[in-house]
Amino acid sequence: METVLLVASVVVVLLSLAVFVAVFVLVSFVVVAAVSLVVVEATSFVLAVICLLAEVIMLLFC
């Protein structure tokens, strides 16, 4: 009986560990996706501002 309980407890620990790892991987993937999206948006915004400034400078000096 004790061996059955031991095996059951080991299985429960392994399952909880697997669930924890899966949740951790999912959360880290979501965080990485959100951060990369924010970085891409910020980069495109900065590029648009630089292009706008270049056009204004060209209009002023031409």
PDB file of N, CA and C in Angstrom:
ATOM      1  N   MET A   1       0.841  -1.204   0.000  1.00  0.00           N
ATOM      2  CA  MET A   1       0.000   0.000   0.000  1.00  0.00           C
ATOM      3  C   MET A   1       0.876   1.254   0.000  1.00  0.00           C
ATOM      4  N   GLU A   2       1.990   1.175   0.766  1.00  0.00           N
ATOM      5  CA  GLU A   2       2.843   2.360   0.818  1.00  0.00           C
ATOM      6  C   GLU A   2       3.483   2.665  -0.536  1.00  0.00           C
ATOM      7  N   THR A   3       3.811   1.610  -1.284  1.00  0.00           N
ATOM      8  CA  THR A   3       4.415   1.847  -2.599  1.00  0.00           C
ATOM      9  C   THR A   3       3.420   2.529  -3.531  1.00  0.00           C
ATOM     10  N   VAL A   4       2.138   2.145  -3.429  1.00  0.00           N
ATOM     11  CA  VAL A   4       1.115   2.783  -4.265  1.00  0.00           C
ATOM     12  C   VAL A   4       0.996   4.263  -3.919  1.00  0.00           C
ATOM     13  N   LEU A   5       1.010   4.565  -2.620  1.00  0.00           N
ATOM     14  CA  LEU A   5       0.942   5.965  -2.200  1.00  0.00           C
ATOM     15  C   LEU A   5       2.178   6.733  -2.659  1.00  0.00           C
ATOM     16  N   LEU A   6       3.338   6.090  -2.569  1.00  0.00           N
ATOM     17  CA  LEU A   6       4.575   6.739  -3.002  1.00  0.00           C
ATOM     18  C   LEU A   6       4.538   7.046  -4.494  1.00  0.00           C
ATOM     19  N   VAL A   7       4.111   6.064  -5.280  1.00  0.00           N
ATOM     20  CA  VAL A   7       4.011   6.265  -6.726  1.00  0.00           C
ATOM     21  C   VAL A   7       2.999   7.354  -7.045  1.00  0.00           C
ATOM     22  N   ALA A   8       1.871   7.354  -6.334  1.00  0.00           N
ATOM     23  CA  ALA A   8       0.837   8.364  -6.575  1.00  0.00           C
ATOM     24  C   ALA A   8       1.360   9.761  -6.246  1.00  0.00           C
ATOM     25  N   SER A   9       2.079   9.882  -5.136  1.00  0.00           N
ATOM     26  CA  SER A   9       2.605  11.201  -4.760  1.00  0.00           C
ATOM     27  C   SER A   9       3.655  11.670  -5.768  1.00  0.00           C
ATOM     28  N   VAL A  10       4.492  10.744  -6.250  1.00  0.00           N
ATOM     29  CA  VAL A  10       5.496  11.109  -7.249  1.00  0.00           C
ATOM     30  C   VAL A  10       4.817  11.565  -8.535  1.00  0.00           C
ATOM     31  N   VAL A  11       3.750  10.853  -8.941  1.00  0.00           N
ATOM     32  CA  VAL A  11       3.021  11.224 -10.153  1.00  0.00           C
ATOM     33  C   VAL A  11       2.382  12.600  -9.994  1.00  0.00           C
ATOM     34  N   VAL A  12       1.812  12.857  -8.815  1.00  0.00           N
ATOM     35  CA  VAL A  12       1.184  14.162  -8.569  1.00  0.00           C
ATOM     36  C   VAL A  12       2.226  15.278  -8.622  1.00  0.00           C
ATOM     37  N   VAL A  13       3.389  15.030  -8.027  1.00  0.00           N
ATOM     38  CA  VAL A  13       4.450  16.042  -8.034  1.00  0.00           C
ATOM     39  C   VAL A  13       4.923  16.299  -9.462  1.00  0.00           C
ATOM     40  N   LEU A  14       5.097  15.232 -10.243  1.00  0.00           N
ATOM     41  CA  LEU A  14       5.539  15.395 -11.628  1.00  0.00           C
ATOM     42  C   LEU A  14       4.497  16.137 -12.456  1.00  0.00           C
ATOM     43  N   LEU A  15       3.223  15.819 -12.240  1.00  0.00           N
ATOM     44  CA  LEU A  15       2.159  16.496 -12.988  1.00  0.00           C
ATOM     45  C   LEU A  15       2.100  17.981 -12.635  1.00  0.00           C
ATOM     46  N   SER A  16       2.204  18.285 -11.343  1.00  0.00           N
ATOM     47  CA  SER A  16       2.163  19.694 -10.943  1.00  0.00           C
ATOM     48  C   SER A  16       3.376  20.439 -11.488  1.00  0.00           C
ATOM     49  N   LEU A  17       4.529  19.766 -11.507  1.00  0.00           N
ATOM     50  CA  LEU A  17       5.727  20.380 -12.070  1.00  0.00           C
ATOM     51  C   LEU A  17       5.555  20.645 -13.562  1.00  0.00           C
ATOM     52  N   ALA A  18       4.969  19.681 -14.269  1.00  0.00           N
ATOM     53  CA  ALA A  18       4.746  19.850 -15.705  1.00  0.00           C
ATOM     54  C   ALA A  18       3.770  20.996 -15.970  1.00  0.00           C
ATOM     55  N   VAL A  19       2.708  21.081 -15.162  1.00  0.00           N
ATOM     56  CA  VAL A  19       1.738  22.170 -15.316  1.00  0.00           C
ATOM     57  C   VAL A  19       2.405  23.513 -15.044  1.00  0.00           C
ATOM     58  N   PHE A  20       3.238  23.549 -13.993  1.00  0.00           N
ATOM     59  CA  PHE A  20       3.945  24.790 -13.660  1.00  0.00           C
ATOM     60  C   PHE A  20       4.865  25.217 -14.797  1.00  0.00           C
ATOM     61  N   VAL A  21       5.605  24.260 -15.364  1.00  0.00           N
ATOM     62  CA  VAL A  21       6.518  24.574 -16.465  1.00  0.00           C
ATOM     63  C   VAL A  21       5.736  25.055 -17.684  1.00  0.00           C
ATOM     64  N   ALA A  22       4.599  24.403 -17.972  1.00  0.00           N
ATOM     65  CA  ALA A  22       3.792  24.798 -19.126  1.00  0.00           C
ATOM     66  C   ALA A  22       3.248  26.218 -18.945  1.00  0.00           C
ATOM     67  N   VAL A  23       2.749  26.517 -17.749  1.00  0.00           N
ATOM     68  CA  VAL A  23       2.222  27.858 -17.481  1.00  0.00           C
ATOM     69  C   VAL A  23       3.337  28.895 -17.568  1.00  0.00           C
ATOM     70  N   PHE A  24       4.512  28.545 -17.022  1.00  0.00           N
ATOM     71  CA  PHE A  24       5.645  29.475 -17.070  1.00  0.00           C
ATOM     72  C   PHE A  24       6.064  29.762 -18.508  1.00  0.00           C
ATOM     73  N   VAL A  25       6.130  28.724 -19.332  1.00  0.00           N
ATOM     74  CA  VAL A  25       6.512  28.897 -20.735  1.00  0.00           C
ATOM     75  C   VAL A  25       5.474  29.742 -21.464  1.00  0.00           C
ATOM     76  N   LEU A  26       4.190  29.479 -21.202  1.00  0.00           N
ATOM     77  CA  LEU A  26       3.123  30.237 -21.851  1.00  0.00           C
ATOM     78  C   LEU A  26       3.192  31.715 -21.463  1.00  0.00           C
ATOM     79  N   VAL A  27       3.371  31.983 -20.166  1.00  0.00           N
ATOM     80  CA  VAL A  27       3.423  33.367 -19.698  1.00  0.00           C
ATOM     81  C   VAL A  27       4.639  34.087 -20.269  1.00  0.00           C
ATOM     82  N   SER A  28       5.785  33.406 -20.284  1.00  0.00           N
ATOM     83  CA  SER A  28       6.983  34.049 -20.825  1.00  0.00           C
ATOM     84  C   SER A  28       6.831  34.303 -22.323  1.00  0.00           C
ATOM     85  N   PHE A  29       6.176  33.372 -23.043  1.00  0.00           N
ATOM     86  CA  PHE A  29       5.943  33.572 -24.475  1.00  0.00           C
ATOM     87  C   PHE A  29       5.044  34.784 -24.710  1.00  0.00           C
ATOM     88  N   VAL A  30       3.985  34.911 -23.899  1.00  0.00           N
ATOM     89  CA  VAL A  30       3.071  36.051 -24.041  1.00  0.00           C
ATOM     90  C   VAL A  30       3.802  37.356 -23.736  1.00  0.00           C
ATOM     91  N   VAL A  31       4.641  37.348 -22.694  1.00  0.00           N
ATOM     92  CA  VAL A  31       5.381  38.559 -22.326  1.00  0.00           C
ATOM     93  C   VAL A  31       6.355  38.953 -23.433  1.00  0.00           C
ATOM     94  N   VAL A  32       7.049  37.960 -23.998  1.00  0.00           N
ATOM     95  CA  VAL A  32       7.998  38.246 -25.080  1.00  0.00           C
ATOM     96  C   VAL A  32       7.258  38.793 -26.299  1.00  0.00           C
ATOM     97  N   ALA A  33       6.089  38.215 -26.616  1.00  0.00           N
ATOM     98  CA  ALA A  33       5.315  38.692 -27.761  1.00  0.00           C
ATOM     99  C   ALA A  33       4.857  40.135 -27.537  1.00  0.00           C
ATOM    100  N   ALA A  34       4.386  40.445 -26.328  1.00  0.00           N
ATOM    101  CA  ALA A  34       3.917  41.798 -26.032  1.00  0.00           C
ATOM    102  C   ALA A  34       5.066  42.798 -26.102  1.00  0.00           C
ATOM    103  N   VAL A  35       6.218  42.427 -25.546  1.00  0.00           N
ATOM    104  CA  VAL A  35       7.366  43.339 -25.548  1.00  0.00           C
ATOM    105  C   VAL A  35       7.857  43.583 -26.968  1.00  0.00           C
ATOM    106  N   SER A  36       7.906  42.522 -27.778  1.00  0.00           N
ATOM    107  CA  SER A  36       8.364  42.704 -29.157  1.00  0.00           C
ATOM    108  C   SER A  36       7.374  43.563 -29.943  1.00  0.00           C
ATOM    109  N   LEU A  37       6.072  43.389 -29.682  1.00  0.00           N
ATOM    110  CA  LEU A  37       5.065  44.215 -30.350  1.00  0.00           C
ATOM    111  C   LEU A  37       5.247  45.686 -29.977  1.00  0.00           C
ATOM    112  N   VAL A  38       5.465  45.954 -28.691  1.00  0.00           N
ATOM    113  CA  VAL A  38       5.665  47.334 -28.236  1.00  0.00           C
ATOM    114  C   VAL A  38       6.927  47.919 -28.860  1.00  0.00           C
ATOM    115  N   VAL A  39       7.989  47.111 -28.941  1.00  0.00           N
ATOM    116  CA  VAL A  39       9.243  47.601 -29.526  1.00  0.00           C
ATOM    117  C   VAL A  39       9.049  47.922 -31.005  1.00  0.00           C
ATOM    118  N   VAL A  40       8.323  47.056 -31.721  1.00  0.00           N
ATOM    119  CA  VAL A  40       8.075  47.298 -33.148  1.00  0.00           C
ATOM    120  C   VAL A  40       7.244  48.560 -33.339  1.00  0.00           C
ATOM    121  N   GLU A  41       6.204  48.720 -32.516  1.00  0.00           N
ATOM    122  CA  GLU A  41       5.370  49.919 -32.620  1.00  0.00           C
ATOM    123  C   GLU A  41       6.187  51.177 -32.329  1.00  0.00           C
ATOM    124  N   ALA A  42       7.008  51.139 -31.289  1.00  0.00           N
ATOM    125  CA  ALA A  42       7.818  52.307 -30.933  1.00  0.00           C
ATOM    126  C   ALA A  42       8.827  52.617 -32.030  1.00  0.00           C
ATOM    127  N   THR A  43       9.420  51.576 -32.606  1.00  0.00           N
ATOM    128  CA  THR A  43      10.404  51.790 -33.674  1.00  0.00           C
ATOM    129  C   THR A  43       9.753  52.417 -34.897  1.00  0.00           C
ATOM    130  N   SER A  44       8.576  51.919 -35.278  1.00  0.00           N
ATOM    131  CA  SER A  44       7.895  52.490 -36.445  1.00  0.00           C
ATOM    132  C   SER A  44       7.480  53.937 -36.166  1.00  0.00           C
ATOM    133  N   PHE A  45       7.058  54.219 -34.916  1.00  0.00           N
ATOM    134  CA  PHE A  45       6.683  55.589 -34.559  1.00  0.00           C
ATOM    135  C   PHE A  45       7.887  56.528 -34.647  1.00  0.00           C
ATOM    136  N   VAL A  46       9.031  56.069 -34.140  1.00  0.00           N
ATOM    137  CA  VAL A  46      10.245  56.890 -34.181  1.00  0.00           C
ATOM    138  C   VAL A  46      10.677  57.125 -35.627  1.00  0.00           C
ATOM    139  N   LEU A  47      10.581  56.085 -36.458  1.00  0.00           N
ATOM    140  CA  LEU A  47      10.941  56.242 -37.870  1.00  0.00           C
ATOM    141  C   LEU A  47      10.007  57.233 -38.560  1.00  0.00           C
ATOM    142  N   ALA A  48       8.709  57.182 -38.228  1.00  0.00           N
ATOM    143  CA  ALA A  48       7.762  58.117 -38.830  1.00  0.00           C
ATOM    144  C   ALA A  48       8.080  59.549 -38.405  1.00  0.00           C
ATOM    145  N   VAL A  49       8.430  59.738 -37.144  1.00  0.00           N
ATOM    146  CA  VAL A  49       8.778  61.079 -36.661  1.00  0.00           C
ATOM    147  C   VAL A  49      10.034  61.585 -37.354  1.00  0.00           C
ATOM    148  N   ILE A  50      11.024  60.699 -37.528  1.00  0.00           N
ATOM    149  CA  ILE A  50      12.265  61.098 -38.210  1.00  0.00           C
ATOM    150  C   ILE A  50      11.977  61.483 -39.661  1.00  0.00           C
ATOM    151  N   CYS A  51      11.125  60.709 -40.337  1.00  0.00           N
ATOM    152  CA  CYS A  51      10.772  61.041 -41.720  1.00  0.00           C
ATOM    153  C   CYS A  51      10.041  62.379 -41.788  1.00  0.00           C
ATOM    154  N   LEU A  52       9.153  62.613 -40.821  1.00  0.00           N
ATOM    155  CA  LEU A  52       8.425  63.878 -40.786  1.00  0.00           C
ATOM    156  C   LEU A  52       9.377  65.049 -40.572  1.00  0.00           C
ATOM    157  N   LEU A  53      10.337  64.881 -39.657  1.00  0.00           N
ATOM    158  CA  LEU A  53      11.324  65.933 -39.424  1.00  0.00           C
ATOM    159  C   LEU A  53      12.171  66.171 -40.666  1.00  0.00           C
ATOM    160  N   ALA A  54      12.528  65.099 -41.365  1.00  0.00           N
ATOM    161  CA  ALA A  54      13.322  65.253 -42.587  1.00  0.00           C
ATOM    162  C   ALA A  54      12.538  66.020 -43.645  1.00  0.00           C
ATOM    163  N   GLU A  55      11.245  65.731 -43.773  1.00  0.00           N
ATOM    164  CA  GLU A  55      10.424  66.449 -44.746  1.00  0.00           C
ATOM    165  C   GLU A  55      10.300  67.926 -44.377  1.00  0.00           C
ATOM    166  N   VAL A  56      10.130  68.206 -43.086  1.00  0.00           N
ATOM    167  CA  VAL A  56      10.025  69.602 -42.649  1.00  0.00           C
ATOM    168  C   VAL A  56      11.325  70.341 -42.929  1.00  0.00           C
ATOM    169  N   ILE A  57      12.457  69.696 -42.642  1.00  0.00           N
ATOM    170  CA  ILE A  57      13.759  70.328 -42.900  1.00  0.00           C
ATOM    171  C   ILE A  57      13.951  70.574 -44.390  1.00  0.00           C
ATOM    172  N   MET A  58      13.554  69.595 -45.217  1.00  0.00           N
ATOM    173  CA  MET A  58      13.679  69.768 -46.664  1.00  0.00           C
ATOM    174  C   MET A  58      12.784  70.906 -47.149  1.00  0.00           C
ATOM    175  N   LEU A  59      11.566  71.016 -46.588  1.00  0.00           N
ATOM    176  CA  LEU A  59      10.676  72.108 -46.979  1.00  0.00           C
ATOM    177  C   LEU A  59      11.245  73.456 -46.560  1.00  0.00           C
ATOM    178  N   LEU A  60      11.876  73.494 -45.384  1.00  0.00           N
ATOM    179  CA  LEU A  60      12.426  74.757 -44.907  1.00  0.00           C
ATOM    180  C   LEU A  60      13.626  75.202 -45.730  1.00  0.00           C
ATOM    181  N   PHE A  61      14.474  74.257 -46.121  1.00  0.00           N
ATOM    182  CA  PHE A  61      15.734  74.621 -46.766  1.00  0.00           C
ATOM    183  C   PHE A  61      15.688  74.540 -48.283  1.00  0.00           C
ATOM    184  N   CYS A  62      14.544  74.134 -48.850  1.00  0.00           N
ATOM    185  CA  CYS A  62      14.461  74.060 -50.312  1.00  0.00           C
ATOM    186  C   CYS A  62      13.604  75.208 -50.841  1.00  0.00           C
TER     187      CYS A  62
END
